[in-house]
Structure formats: structure tokens, C-alpha cells
Amino acid sequence: MHRRHFLHLTIAAAVAAGMSGCSRRDHLRTGIHPWIGYEPLYLAEEFGWLPETVQLVKGQGASDSISGLVSGNLDAAALTLDETLRVLAAGVPVKAVAVTNVSVGADVLLVRPAITSLSDLQGRRVAVELGGVSGIMLFSVLERAGLTSNNISVVNLPVHEHIGAWQRGDIDASISYEPEASRLVAEGAVRLFDSSQLPETIFDLLVVTDAAASRQPAAVRDLVKGHFLGLQHLVRNMHDAVYRVATRQEVSPDMVRQSLATVMLPELSANHRYLTHNGRLEVVAKTLASIMVREGLMDKPLRYEHLTDPAFLPRSLP
């Protein structure tokens, strides 16, 4: 279970709702999967704020969106920053046109009570899902501790398997997220570090291919505006939005509120700041790319002029 499955659809629902629908080439085909930071787009679709120029292609997880971009079946997608770098590494030029959310506690390091500092991780067995954003969290933690992956025993496990490994005594620590984190805490795990201590580091984005940005600029603007209209509803009508999200995702309203508390959803002004050339997002991307190359998650350093493009952000909202 990938972190982005926290608010999840069943496989049947994802296939029925996600990969069906119109495939006209004049639509901006945008890959999306369930995650709280992407909910504004689901809300925009529900309220009819996405014009016909935009088609949401709903998958089960980020891998669907990544494969769609690489194959050319998608023009845009909602992805984490590290997933975006993987797409670039696969040879598909993309640009970030909006920041949907920033993790402020959604990702957490849980440890045995005997581990009281990050340096105590040396020689310990740490469970992590290397293929997802949890892997990036681990490497950031290790940098903080002055350690590398060679100093610990990396146990590469899907996050939903961490609880069993913990109960068997197979691991000493876990990089996790809700609701799995609460289950580990109930088993005696202690919260030692979380993404709130890595400010403005773990980003979720809307990205578009360079080809789509050139061919369908109006549709890209429609997509980005739709996100911000959905976000505006989420902020101004929180009670209504929470129950809509809970109903759609078949989870409790409390779980939706809990997930919202672990992310920051940047509004328009913050997006202008994040998307400036050599702004925070591009600075973090360069650091992240170096970490991914060093840890074998990418073959070689990326070469790109600009990762971000603020030109598609609306000037204002109604």
C-alpha cells in the first residue's frame, strides 16, 4: 500500500471510474489517484468546475499516472516531487504548474522506545517502502543523523506490512503514515521524527508534459484553475467538503480531518512563490535528485532548464 492510497478506492471502483471515459485527443488527459492533496480536483469535477477541455483519468496509484505519462497516454498528472523526477529521468519532459500540498507531518519515523535519537538508528532494522515517497523521507532522516543507508539495515516493505513486521520483532523502526502510524503507536512505537521537521521538502504537484503545455495551454490553465476552485471550496466550506470526501472515499469524516491536519494546501499566492525560477521547489528538486542518484533510485543526474512554470496560475479567483 503506497502512501497515496491513504484515502483509497477499491480496485474495482478505480478501474470502473478511472480508466473509462472519453479519450479524445483534444482533452487534457490528467492522471489522478486518491490522496488528500488531490481532493480539490475531485471536488472541482463534482461541482462542474472543470470544463470539457480537462479529463481526469482516475487510477489506483501514482504508478498508473507515471506509466501514462511515459507511454504518452496522459498529458498531465498529480504526482509527488520525487515521482516527477522519475518521469523526467524516464525521458519525458514535464513541468510543475501547481503545488497541491506540502507534507507537514504526514510522513513519520516510528521507533522502539530504546531508540531516543536519530543517531541511534545506526545498525537498526528500518522498514520503508523505497519505491514511494517514504524512501525519500528515510534518506532525509539519515542525512539529518549523519548516516547513510549503509549504516542501517533497510527492510523494503509496503507500509501496510510494517505492523506485522513490528509485531514479529523483525524491525526496529518504520517510516509510516496514517492510518498505519496509529496502529504502530498502539503497539508501542514512539514518534521520533516527522515531515513537519523537514519544512517545505515533501511536495505534491500538478505536472504537465512540455508537449501538452505547448499544444493545449488553455486546457492547462483550466486544469490549474479547477484545482484552486476546489481548494477554495475546501477552505471556505470545510464541513461540506469533508463529508463529500469521506463519502466518496468511504472513510470516516474524522479520518479526512486527520489527514488534512498533516498537509499544508498552498493557495494561489504561495504557489507563485513556490513556482518561481530557482525558488524553493527547484532548490529542493536539485537536492532530491542528488539523493536519488546516490541511493540508486535514478541512474544519473537530471538536466533541465526549468522544472516549474507559474505562467498557468490564475491571476485571481472568483
Protein backbone atom coordinates (compact mmCIF):
# COMPACT_ATOMS: atom_id res chain seq x y z
CA MET A 1 0.00 0.00 0.00
CA HIS A 2 1.52 3.25 -1.18
CA ARG A 3 1.17 6.37 0.92
CA ARG A 4 -1.04 7.81 -1.80
CA HIS A 5 -3.55 5.04 -1.12
CA PHE A 6 -4.34 6.50 2.32
CA LEU A 7 -7.77 7.60 1.10
CA HIS A 8 -8.36 4.64 -1.17
CA LEU A 9 -10.79 3.37 -3.74
CA THR A 10 -11.30 -0.33 -4.27
CA ILE A 11 -9.62 -1.79 -7.34
CA ALA A 12 -12.97 -2.36 -8.99
CA ALA A 13 -14.11 1.20 -8.42
CA ALA A 14 -10.82 2.60 -9.65
CA VAL A 15 -10.95 0.60 -12.86
CA ALA A 16 -14.62 1.35 -13.45
CA ALA A 17 -14.40 5.05 -12.68
CA GLY A 18 -10.82 5.75 -13.62
CA MET A 19 -9.74 4.16 -16.84
CA SER A 20 -13.09 4.51 -18.57
CA GLY A 21 -14.43 7.55 -20.33
CA CYS A 22 -13.62 9.74 -23.25
CA SER A 23 -10.18 9.51 -24.81
CA ARG A 24 -10.42 12.37 -27.30
CA ARG A 25 -7.02 13.80 -28.00
CA ASP A 26 -8.23 17.37 -27.57
CA HIS A 27 -8.82 16.76 -23.87
CA LEU A 28 -6.03 17.32 -21.39
CA ARG A 29 -5.88 13.78 -20.02
CA THR A 30 -4.82 14.17 -16.40
CA GLY A 31 -3.81 11.23 -14.25
CA ILE A 32 -5.02 11.39 -10.66
CA HIS A 33 -5.31 8.96 -7.78
CA PRO A 34 -6.73 9.20 -4.26
CA TRP A 35 -4.74 11.41 -1.91
CA ILE A 36 -5.95 14.26 0.28
CA GLY A 37 -3.82 16.83 -1.56
CA TYR A 38 -5.56 15.98 -4.82
CA GLU A 39 -9.09 16.27 -3.41
CA PRO A 40 -9.61 19.82 -4.76
CA LEU A 41 -9.62 18.38 -8.28
CA TYR A 42 -12.16 15.72 -7.35
CA LEU A 43 -14.31 18.47 -5.82
CA ALA A 44 -13.90 20.62 -8.93
CA GLU A 45 -15.11 17.76 -11.09
CA GLU A 46 -18.04 17.09 -8.75
CA PHE A 47 -19.18 20.72 -8.87
CA GLY A 48 -18.66 21.05 -12.64
CA TRP A 49 -15.76 23.49 -12.33
CA LEU A 50 -13.61 21.51 -14.78
CA PRO A 51 -14.56 22.34 -18.37
CA GLU A 52 -14.66 19.73 -21.12
CA THR A 53 -11.08 20.59 -22.04
CA VAL A 54 -9.93 18.58 -19.00
CA GLN A 55 -10.43 14.85 -18.48
CA LEU A 56 -9.49 13.30 -15.14
CA VAL A 57 -8.14 9.78 -15.64
CA LYS A 58 -8.53 8.11 -12.26
CA GLY A 59 -6.11 5.36 -11.37
CA GLN A 60 -5.25 3.29 -8.34
CA GLY A 61 -1.94 4.96 -7.54
CA ALA A 62 0.95 7.04 -8.77
CA SER A 63 2.31 4.18 -10.88
CA ASP A 64 -0.72 4.49 -13.17
CA SER A 65 -0.02 8.18 -13.73
CA ILE A 66 3.72 7.67 -14.20
CA SER A 67 3.22 4.90 -16.75
CA GLY A 68 0.59 7.01 -18.52
CA LEU A 69 2.96 9.95 -18.87
CA VAL A 70 5.82 7.74 -20.05
CA SER A 71 3.63 5.94 -22.61
CA GLY A 72 2.12 9.18 -23.88
CA ASN A 73 -1.41 8.22 -22.82
CA LEU A 74 -1.55 11.11 -20.36
CA ASP A 75 -0.81 14.80 -20.78
CA ALA A 76 -0.70 15.76 -17.11
CA ALA A 77 -0.77 14.18 -13.66
CA ALA A 78 -0.82 14.74 -9.92
CA LEU A 79 2.47 13.41 -8.51
CA THR A 80 4.95 13.91 -5.70
CA LEU A 81 8.16 15.76 -6.48
CA ASP A 82 10.27 12.57 -6.42
CA GLU A 83 7.77 10.87 -8.76
CA THR A 84 8.05 13.85 -11.08
CA LEU A 85 11.83 13.45 -11.12
CA ARG A 86 11.39 9.78 -12.02
CA VAL A 87 9.27 10.81 -15.02
CA LEU A 88 11.96 13.27 -16.10
CA ALA A 89 14.58 10.54 -15.68
CA ALA A 90 12.50 8.32 -17.99
CA GLY A 91 12.95 10.93 -20.72
CA VAL A 92 9.57 12.68 -20.55
CA PRO A 93 9.91 16.49 -20.26
CA VAL A 94 7.38 17.77 -17.72
CA LYS A 95 6.87 20.96 -15.75
CA ALA A 96 5.22 21.64 -12.41
CA VAL A 97 2.33 24.06 -12.90
CA ALA A 98 0.90 23.95 -9.35
CA VAL A 99 1.80 22.75 -5.87
CA THR A 100 -1.20 20.90 -4.44
CA ASN A 101 0.13 20.18 -0.96
CA VAL A 102 3.20 20.13 1.26
CA SER A 103 3.67 17.45 3.92
CA VAL A 104 3.73 18.88 7.46
CA GLY A 105 3.60 15.68 9.47
CA ALA A 106 2.01 13.19 7.10
CA ASP A 107 5.24 11.14 6.99
CA VAL A 108 6.66 9.90 10.27
CA LEU A 109 9.55 7.89 11.72
CA LEU A 110 8.34 5.50 14.44
CA VAL A 111 10.84 3.62 16.60
CA ARG A 112 11.26 1.22 19.52
CA PRO A 113 11.35 3.11 22.84
CA ALA A 114 15.07 2.31 23.28
CA ILE A 115 15.84 4.49 20.24
CA THR A 116 15.92 8.04 21.54
CA SER A 117 17.86 9.92 18.85
CA LEU A 118 18.34 9.73 15.10
CA SER A 119 21.95 8.60 15.57
CA ASP A 120 20.60 5.56 17.45
CA LEU A 121 19.31 4.26 14.11
CA GLN A 122 22.82 3.02 13.28
CA GLY A 123 22.75 -0.75 12.92
CA ARG A 124 18.95 -0.89 13.28
CA ARG A 125 16.39 -2.52 11.01
CA VAL A 126 14.27 0.21 9.42
CA ALA A 127 11.16 -0.67 7.42
CA VAL A 128 10.47 1.61 4.47
CA GLU A 129 8.68 1.47 1.13
CA LEU A 130 11.61 2.51 -1.08
CA GLY A 131 9.54 2.88 -4.24
CA GLY A 132 7.41 5.65 -2.75
CA VAL A 133 7.84 8.96 -1.02
CA SER A 134 8.64 7.06 2.20
CA GLY A 135 12.05 6.28 0.73
CA ILE A 136 12.77 9.98 0.30
CA MET A 137 11.72 10.57 3.89
CA LEU A 138 14.18 7.90 5.06
CA PHE A 139 17.11 9.40 3.17
CA SER A 140 16.29 12.86 4.53
CA VAL A 141 16.23 11.44 8.06
CA LEU A 142 19.57 9.71 7.53
CA GLU A 143 21.13 12.95 6.29
CA ARG A 144 19.91 14.68 9.44
CA ALA A 145 21.50 11.89 11.51
CA GLY A 146 24.82 11.99 9.62
CA LEU A 147 24.21 8.43 8.43
CA THR A 148 23.76 6.67 5.09
CA SER A 149 21.73 3.64 4.10
CA ASN A 150 24.90 1.58 4.60
CA ASN A 151 24.73 2.36 8.32
CA ILE A 152 21.31 0.74 8.80
CA SER A 153 19.54 -2.40 7.70
CA VAL A 154 16.92 -1.29 5.17
CA VAL A 155 13.83 -3.51 5.18
CA ASN A 156 11.92 -2.71 1.98
CA LEU A 157 8.26 -3.39 2.79
CA PRO A 158 4.90 -1.97 1.73
CA VAL A 159 3.72 0.20 4.60
CA HIS A 160 0.69 -1.95 5.38
CA GLU A 161 3.10 -4.81 6.18
CA HIS A 162 5.04 -2.82 8.79
CA ILE A 163 2.63 -3.67 11.60
CA GLY A 164 3.16 -7.41 11.14
CA ALA A 165 6.94 -6.98 10.96
CA TRP A 166 6.80 -4.88 14.14
CA GLN A 167 4.72 -7.46 15.98
CA ARG A 168 7.13 -10.26 14.95
CA GLY A 169 10.10 -8.21 16.14
CA ASP A 170 11.57 -8.09 12.62
CA ILE A 171 12.07 -4.31 12.60
CA ASP A 172 13.22 -1.60 15.00
CA ALA A 173 11.79 1.41 13.19
CA SER A 174 9.28 2.31 10.48
CA ILE A 175 8.78 5.17 8.03
CA SER A 176 5.00 5.31 8.01
CA TYR A 177 1.90 7.48 7.71
CA GLU A 178 -1.72 7.39 8.82
CA PRO A 179 -3.63 5.22 9.43
CA GLU A 180 -0.75 2.73 9.75
CA ALA A 181 1.19 5.05 12.05
CA SER A 182 -1.56 4.99 14.68
CA ARG A 183 -1.60 1.20 14.59
CA LEU A 184 2.13 1.10 15.25
CA VAL A 185 1.81 3.60 18.10
CA ALA A 186 -0.85 1.34 19.63
CA GLU A 187 1.76 -1.45 19.54
CA GLY A 188 4.26 0.66 21.49
CA ALA A 189 6.04 2.56 18.72
CA VAL A 190 7.29 6.06 19.56
CA ARG A 191 7.19 9.04 17.20
CA LEU A 192 10.79 10.26 16.81
CA PHE A 193 10.65 12.45 13.67
CA ASP A 194 8.12 13.59 11.10
CA SER A 195 7.90 15.70 7.98
CA SER A 196 6.97 18.81 9.96
CA GLN A 197 10.69 18.89 10.84
CA LEU A 198 11.54 18.97 7.12
CA PRO A 199 9.74 22.19 6.19
CA GLU A 200 8.84 22.65 2.53
CA THR A 201 10.57 19.44 1.45
CA ILE A 202 7.91 16.87 0.53
CA PHE A 203 5.72 18.33 -2.22
CA ASP A 204 2.79 17.13 -4.30
CA LEU A 205 2.39 18.74 -7.69
CA LEU A 206 0.32 19.09 -10.82
CA VAL A 207 2.67 18.44 -13.72
CA VAL A 208 2.11 18.69 -17.48
CA THR A 209 4.21 17.49 -20.36
CA ASP A 210 6.03 20.15 -22.33
CA ALA A 211 4.16 18.98 -25.43
CA ALA A 212 0.75 19.47 -23.79
CA ALA A 213 1.76 22.85 -22.39
CA SER A 214 2.62 24.00 -25.92
CA ARG A 215 -0.33 22.32 -27.64
CA GLN A 216 -3.09 22.92 -25.07
CA PRO A 217 -2.20 25.97 -22.94
CA ALA A 218 -5.85 26.92 -22.38
CA ALA A 219 -6.65 23.43 -21.11
CA VAL A 220 -3.68 23.56 -18.72
CA ARG A 221 -4.99 26.85 -17.36
CA ASP A 222 -8.42 25.24 -16.96
CA LEU A 223 -6.89 22.34 -15.00
CA VAL A 224 -4.95 24.62 -12.66
CA LYS A 225 -7.90 26.94 -12.13
CA GLY A 226 -10.10 23.92 -11.36
CA HIS A 227 -7.70 22.84 -8.63
CA PHE A 228 -7.82 26.26 -6.98
CA LEU A 229 -11.61 26.48 -7.23
CA GLY A 230 -11.84 23.10 -5.50
CA LEU A 231 -9.35 24.24 -2.87
CA GLN A 232 -11.35 27.41 -2.33
CA HIS A 233 -14.44 25.32 -1.59
CA LEU A 234 -12.46 23.07 0.74
CA VAL A 235 -11.22 26.08 2.72
CA ARG A 236 -14.45 28.07 2.78
CA ASN A 237 -16.86 25.15 3.21
CA MET A 238 -14.80 22.70 5.23
CA HIS A 239 -17.74 20.85 6.76
CA ASP A 240 -19.37 20.19 3.39
CA ALA A 241 -16.07 19.27 1.73
CA VAL A 242 -15.03 16.85 4.47
CA TYR A 243 -18.28 14.91 4.18
CA ARG A 244 -18.07 14.84 0.39
CA VAL A 245 -14.52 13.45 0.59
CA ALA A 246 -15.48 10.92 3.27
CA THR A 247 -18.48 9.72 1.25
CA ARG A 248 -16.52 9.39 -1.98
CA GLN A 249 -13.58 7.60 -0.37
CA GLU A 250 -15.69 5.50 2.02
CA VAL A 251 -13.80 6.61 5.14
CA SER A 252 -14.90 8.48 8.25
CA PRO A 253 -15.01 12.28 8.36
CA ASP A 254 -12.59 12.12 11.30
CA MET A 255 -10.04 10.32 9.12
CA VAL A 256 -10.38 13.03 6.47
CA ARG A 257 -9.84 15.73 9.09
CA GLN A 258 -6.84 13.82 10.45
CA SER A 259 -5.26 13.63 7.01
CA LEU A 260 -5.92 17.33 6.36
CA ALA A 261 -4.06 18.19 9.57
CA THR A 262 -0.87 16.60 8.20
CA VAL A 263 -0.65 18.61 4.98
CA MET A 264 -0.49 22.25 4.01
CA LEU A 265 -2.58 23.15 0.96
CA PRO A 266 -0.91 26.22 -0.59
CA GLU A 267 -3.22 28.83 -2.04
CA LEU A 268 -2.53 30.97 -5.09
CA SER A 269 -0.04 33.41 -3.56
CA ALA A 270 2.08 30.60 -2.08
CA ASN A 271 2.09 28.84 -5.44
CA HIS A 272 3.52 31.89 -7.14
CA ARG A 273 6.34 31.80 -4.59
CA TYR A 274 6.98 28.06 -4.95
CA LEU A 275 6.99 28.11 -8.75
CA THR A 276 9.43 30.95 -9.32
CA HIS A 277 12.62 30.01 -11.16
CA ASN A 278 15.24 28.92 -8.61
CA GLY A 279 12.54 29.09 -5.95
CA ARG A 280 12.08 26.62 -3.12
CA LEU A 281 10.67 23.85 -5.31
CA GLU A 282 13.55 23.86 -7.78
CA VAL A 283 16.11 24.07 -4.96
CA VAL A 284 14.57 21.04 -3.23
CA ALA A 285 14.35 19.18 -6.55
CA LYS A 286 18.10 19.52 -7.14
CA THR A 287 18.89 18.23 -3.66
CA LEU A 288 16.38 15.42 -4.02
CA ALA A 289 17.75 14.39 -7.41
CA SER A 290 21.24 14.12 -5.92
CA ILE A 291 19.94 11.92 -3.11
CA MET A 292 18.06 9.70 -5.58
CA VAL A 293 21.15 9.22 -7.73
CA ARG A 294 23.30 8.48 -4.70
CA GLU A 295 20.84 5.90 -3.40
CA GLY A 296 20.37 4.22 -6.77
CA LEU A 297 16.82 5.45 -7.36
CA MET A 298 17.94 7.23 -10.56
CA ASP A 299 20.78 6.34 -12.89
CA LYS A 300 22.26 9.78 -13.46
CA PRO A 301 21.72 13.45 -12.58
CA LEU A 302 18.91 15.20 -14.40
CA ARG A 303 19.39 18.03 -16.85
CA TYR A 304 16.57 20.51 -17.22
CA GLU A 305 16.36 24.26 -17.55
CA HIS A 306 13.21 24.92 -15.56
CA LEU A 307 11.21 22.43 -13.53
CA THR A 308 8.47 24.96 -12.72
CA ASP A 309 6.21 27.18 -14.80
CA PRO A 310 3.98 29.70 -12.99
CA ALA A 311 2.50 31.01 -16.25
CA PHE A 312 -0.60 28.83 -15.92
CA LEU A 313 -1.58 30.06 -12.45
CA PRO A 314 -4.74 32.17 -12.49
CA ARG A 315 -4.31 35.83 -11.65
CA SER A 316 -7.29 35.73 -9.34
CA LEU A 317 -10.29 33.60 -8.36
CA PRO A 318 -13.98 34.47 -8.20
